[in-house]
Amino acid sequence: MSAEDNKAIVRRFYEELSKGDMAAADALIATSVVDHDENLETAVRGPKSFKQMATSLRSSFPDICFTIEDEVAEGDKVDVRWTMRGTQEGEFMGVPGSGKQVTGAGMHFLRLAGGKIVEIWVNRDELGMMRQLGVVPTMGESGD
């Protein structure tokens, strides 16, 4: 597949995730997918595991929406810089639902084969999210 075809697959991945269409994972994610995300307690391997992780994220932020800010592709790799917005209604990383609206930023580096995502590397601003949720003070604030 061309780099442009791979970019279209990745754009669809974000669109479907934002809509909560977990069935799309079967069409977009290879059964052998590996998500290299050190922040997850359990490794994501395969569409079923990905759907569980995405469902958990949506239970924390039911109105979650991803916006692709930049997308670059070369060969079988697509790199995406994204912004996530949502309202924390359920537990997230041990933090009970707060009703707070948050904006998070991150990057995914994806490898595709045969029209499906086979590997994902992630880098996201967890600290910024925790600051917005009031768990971690921002610079200059006292911890009291």
Protein backbone atom coordinates (compact mmCIF):
# COMPACT_ATOMS: atom_id res chain seq x y z
CA MET A 1 0.00 0.00 0.00
CA SER A 2 1.11 3.56 -0.61
CA ALA A 3 1.95 6.05 2.11
CA GLU A 4 -1.25 7.92 1.22
CA ASP A 5 -3.30 4.71 1.61
CA ASN A 6 -1.71 4.15 5.01
CA LYS A 7 -2.49 7.73 6.07
CA ALA A 8 -6.14 7.19 5.12
CA ILE A 9 -6.29 4.03 7.25
CA VAL A 10 -4.81 5.88 10.22
CA ARG A 11 -7.23 8.81 9.79
CA ARG A 12 -10.13 6.33 9.80
CA PHE A 13 -8.68 4.75 12.96
CA TYR A 14 -8.89 8.09 14.81
CA GLU A 15 -12.33 8.93 13.38
CA GLU A 16 -13.79 5.58 14.47
CA LEU A 17 -12.14 5.76 17.90
CA SER A 18 -13.63 9.25 18.38
CA LYS A 19 -17.08 7.92 17.43
CA GLY A 20 -16.71 4.92 19.73
CA ASP A 21 -17.02 2.41 16.88
CA MET A 22 -15.11 -0.49 18.39
CA ALA A 23 -16.16 -2.81 15.55
CA ALA A 24 -13.87 -0.83 13.24
CA ALA A 25 -10.90 -2.18 15.20
CA ASP A 26 -11.37 -5.56 13.49
CA ALA A 27 -11.01 -3.90 10.09
CA LEU A 28 -8.14 -1.58 11.01
CA ILE A 29 -5.99 -3.50 13.50
CA ALA A 30 -4.06 -6.68 12.74
CA THR A 31 -4.62 -9.70 14.97
CA SER A 32 -0.89 -9.54 15.76
CA VAL A 33 -0.84 -5.82 16.67
CA VAL A 34 1.56 -4.78 19.41
CA ASP A 35 1.02 -1.49 21.24
CA HIS A 36 4.33 -0.35 22.74
CA ASP A 37 2.82 1.79 25.51
CA GLU A 38 4.72 1.74 28.78
CA ASN A 39 1.85 3.58 30.51
CA LEU A 40 -0.56 0.67 30.15
CA GLU A 41 -0.81 -1.91 32.91
CA THR A 42 -1.50 -4.70 30.42
CA ALA A 43 0.06 -5.03 26.98
CA VAL A 44 -2.31 -4.48 24.07
CA ARG A 45 -2.07 -7.34 21.60
CA GLY A 46 -4.75 -7.84 18.98
CA PRO A 47 -8.06 -6.11 18.22
CA LYS A 48 -9.87 -7.59 21.25
CA SER A 49 -7.27 -6.22 23.66
CA PHE A 50 -7.30 -2.87 21.84
CA LYS A 51 -11.11 -2.67 22.08
CA GLN A 52 -10.93 -3.32 25.84
CA MET A 53 -8.37 -0.53 26.27
CA ALA A 54 -10.38 1.88 24.09
CA THR A 55 -13.62 1.01 25.89
CA SER A 56 -11.93 1.72 29.22
CA LEU A 57 -10.71 5.09 27.91
CA ARG A 58 -14.23 5.92 26.69
CA SER A 59 -15.67 5.00 30.09
CA SER A 60 -13.29 7.57 31.62
CA PHE A 61 -14.03 10.17 28.92
CA PRO A 62 -17.38 9.33 27.23
CA ASP A 63 -17.16 12.34 24.90
CA ILE A 64 -13.52 11.73 23.94
CA CYS A 65 -12.53 13.14 20.57
CA PHE A 66 -9.18 12.92 18.81
CA THR A 67 -8.02 15.56 16.35
CA ILE A 68 -5.09 14.88 14.07
CA GLU A 69 -2.83 17.92 14.13
CA ASP A 70 -0.07 16.54 11.89
CA GLU A 71 0.28 13.32 9.91
CA VAL A 72 3.42 12.23 8.10
CA ALA A 73 3.89 8.96 6.23
CA GLU A 74 6.79 7.21 4.63
CA GLY A 75 6.70 3.63 3.44
CA ASP A 76 4.87 1.46 5.97
CA LYS A 77 5.00 4.02 8.80
CA VAL A 78 2.61 6.83 9.71
CA ASP A 79 3.43 9.36 12.41
CA VAL A 80 0.62 11.37 13.98
CA ARG A 81 0.58 14.28 16.39
CA TRP A 82 -2.85 14.47 17.97
CA THR A 83 -4.96 16.34 20.48
CA MET A 84 -7.51 14.57 22.65
CA ARG A 85 -10.39 16.38 24.31
CA GLY A 86 -12.90 14.96 26.72
CA THR A 87 -14.78 15.27 30.00
CA GLN A 88 -13.62 12.95 32.76
CA GLU A 89 -16.78 11.21 33.94
CA GLY A 90 -15.21 7.91 35.07
CA GLU A 91 -12.03 6.78 36.78
CA PHE A 92 -8.81 7.55 34.92
CA MET A 93 -5.46 6.30 36.16
CA GLY A 94 -6.89 5.91 39.66
CA VAL A 95 -8.48 9.38 39.66
CA PRO A 96 -12.26 9.29 40.24
CA GLY A 97 -14.53 11.02 37.73
CA SER A 98 -14.33 14.79 38.21
CA GLY A 99 -16.52 16.26 35.49
CA LYS A 100 -13.49 18.29 34.36
CA GLN A 101 -12.85 18.90 30.70
CA VAL A 102 -9.30 18.13 29.68
CA THR A 103 -7.15 18.47 26.61
CA GLY A 104 -4.25 16.11 26.08
CA ALA A 105 -1.56 15.97 23.47
CA GLY A 106 0.41 13.07 22.15
CA MET A 107 2.01 11.29 19.25
CA HIS A 108 1.51 7.87 17.76
CA PHE A 109 3.99 6.20 15.50
CA LEU A 110 2.24 3.41 13.62
CA ARG A 111 3.46 0.67 11.30
CA LEU A 112 1.04 -0.87 8.83
CA ALA A 113 1.08 -4.06 6.80
CA GLY A 114 -1.60 -5.45 4.52
CA GLY A 115 -3.87 -2.47 5.15
CA LYS A 116 -3.90 -2.89 8.93
CA ILE A 117 -2.07 -1.40 11.89
CA VAL A 118 0.51 -3.89 13.18
CA GLU A 119 2.52 -1.80 15.64
CA ILE A 120 1.88 1.35 17.66
CA TRP A 121 4.35 3.42 19.67
CA VAL A 122 2.89 6.18 21.82
CA ASN A 123 4.12 9.27 23.57
CA ARG A 124 1.56 11.40 25.41
CA ASP A 125 1.46 14.10 28.04
CA GLU A 126 0.17 12.18 31.09
CA LEU A 127 1.56 14.84 33.45
CA GLY A 128 -0.43 17.58 31.72
CA MET A 129 -3.60 15.49 32.06
CA MET A 130 -2.96 14.95 35.78
CA ARG A 131 -2.41 18.69 36.23
CA GLN A 132 -5.69 19.47 34.52
CA LEU A 133 -7.47 16.95 36.74
CA GLY A 134 -5.96 18.66 39.80
CA VAL A 135 -3.94 15.65 40.92
CA VAL A 136 -0.53 17.22 40.32
CA PRO A 137 0.15 20.92 41.02
CA THR A 138 1.40 23.08 38.19
CA MET A 139 4.76 24.80 38.41
CA GLY A 140 4.68 27.59 40.97
CA GLU A 141 1.75 26.14 42.93
CA SER A 142 2.33 24.86 46.41
CA GLY A 143 1.57 21.24 47.11
CA ASP A 144 -0.45 22.25 50.20
